[in-house]
Protein backbone atom coordinates (compact mmCIF):
# COMPACT_ATOMS: atom_id res chain seq x y z
CA UNK A 1 15.47 -8.85 -45.65
CA UNK A 2 11.73 -8.93 -46.26
CA UNK A 3 10.31 -11.62 -45.73
CA UNK A 4 10.16 -13.04 -49.29
CA UNK A 5 14.36 -12.99 -48.79
CA UNK A 6 15.06 -9.97 -50.79
CA UNK A 7 16.95 -7.88 -49.80
CA UNK A 8 16.41 -4.47 -49.34
CA UNK A 9 19.56 -1.78 -49.48
CA UNK A 10 18.97 1.44 -48.55
CA UNK A 11 21.98 4.83 -49.08
CA UNK A 12 22.16 8.46 -49.52
CA UNK A 13 17.49 8.67 -50.67
CA UNK A 14 17.70 5.97 -53.18
CA UNK A 15 16.74 2.30 -52.78
CA UNK A 16 17.25 -0.99 -54.43
CA UNK A 17 16.21 -4.46 -53.44
CA UNK A 18 17.36 -7.87 -55.18
CA UNK A 19 15.39 -11.08 -55.54
CA UNK A 20 17.12 -13.99 -57.25
CA UNK A 21 17.46 -12.63 -61.30
CA UNK A 22 14.89 -9.81 -60.15
CA UNK A 23 17.18 -6.19 -59.28
CA UNK A 24 14.38 -2.87 -58.14
CA UNK A 25 15.40 0.66 -57.15
CA UNK A 26 14.38 4.31 -56.94
CA UNK A 27 14.44 6.63 -54.84
CA UNK A 28 12.53 8.07 -51.26
CA UNK A 29 12.61 11.32 -49.34
CA UNK A 30 11.47 12.47 -45.79
CA UNK A 31 8.24 13.66 -45.74
CA UNK A 32 5.97 15.85 -43.54
CA UNK A 33 2.32 16.48 -44.21
CA UNK A 34 -1.18 17.25 -41.51
CA UNK A 35 2.05 17.04 -38.28
CA UNK A 36 2.92 13.00 -39.33
CA UNK A 37 6.01 12.57 -40.58
CA UNK A 38 6.35 9.69 -43.78
CA UNK A 39 8.29 8.31 -46.60
CA UNK A 40 7.50 8.45 -50.25
CA UNK A 41 8.76 6.12 -51.68
CA UNK A 42 9.47 6.62 -56.01
CA UNK A 43 10.60 2.98 -57.89
CA UNK A 44 11.97 2.33 -61.64
CA UNK A 45 9.00 0.44 -62.30
CA UNK A 46 5.18 1.22 -62.62
CA UNK A 47 4.65 -2.02 -60.30
CA UNK A 48 7.42 -1.06 -57.51
CA UNK A 49 7.07 -2.46 -54.30
CA UNK A 50 7.45 0.71 -52.89
CA UNK A 51 5.93 3.18 -53.98
CA UNK A 52 4.09 6.05 -52.41
CA UNK A 53 3.62 7.16 -48.89
CA UNK A 54 4.79 5.23 -45.79
CA UNK A 55 3.91 5.53 -42.06
CA UNK A 56 7.39 4.48 -40.69
CA UNK A 57 7.83 2.99 -37.14
CA UNK A 58 10.83 1.60 -36.14
CA UNK A 59 12.02 -0.48 -32.91
CA UNK A 60 14.73 -2.81 -31.44
CA UNK A 61 14.76 -6.33 -30.47
CA UNK A 62 16.64 -7.44 -27.82
CA UNK A 63 17.79 -10.10 -29.81
CA UNK A 64 20.20 -6.94 -31.88
CA UNK A 65 17.71 -5.89 -34.53
CA UNK A 66 15.72 -3.10 -35.36
CA UNK A 67 12.77 -3.39 -37.46
CA UNK A 68 11.08 -0.56 -39.82
CA UNK A 69 7.68 -1.24 -40.19
CA UNK A 70 6.68 1.13 -43.96
CA UNK A 71 3.03 1.40 -43.69
CA UNK A 72 1.68 2.34 -46.93
CA UNK A 73 -1.19 5.19 -46.98
CA UNK A 74 -2.84 7.24 -48.96
CA UNK A 75 -2.73 11.14 -48.25
CA UNK A 76 -5.81 13.87 -48.69
CA UNK A 77 -7.78 16.48 -47.16
CA UNK A 78 -9.09 14.69 -45.32
CA UNK A 79 -6.66 13.03 -43.08
CA UNK A 80 -4.50 9.92 -43.74
CA UNK A 81 -5.71 5.85 -44.79
CA UNK A 82 -3.68 2.61 -44.39
CA UNK A 83 -3.47 1.39 -48.46
CA UNK A 84 -2.74 -2.52 -47.53
CA UNK A 85 -0.61 -4.76 -45.79
CA UNK A 86 3.06 -3.18 -44.82
CA UNK A 87 6.38 -4.48 -45.38
CA UNK A 88 8.62 -5.13 -42.11
CA UNK A 89 12.14 -4.66 -42.77
CA UNK A 90 15.10 -6.11 -40.24
CA UNK A 91 18.71 -4.86 -39.84
CA UNK A 92 21.60 -5.73 -37.75
CA UNK A 93 22.39 -4.27 -34.97
CA UNK A 94 26.08 -3.15 -35.50
CA UNK A 95 27.15 -3.61 -31.31
CA UNK A 96 30.84 -2.91 -30.65
């Protein structure tokens, strides 16, 4: 779930985002550059919410939620630079 209430699904290196009557989809892959792991997202439209490279931080909360923070970045020969606001995704952890 994104802060705006839209839902994001991720499966088999594909993603979808649903919000009201808006539906977006795309693909992603994990890559390593300059010694760091990133997710590279490509959307089906030019103005897609997920597009480009993201540094991923993952942690679990005490209330059985997993939180992923996706920080958009630019990567070039000079280094890695933050590029915009981070996106926070949450999901409930299955506890048996």
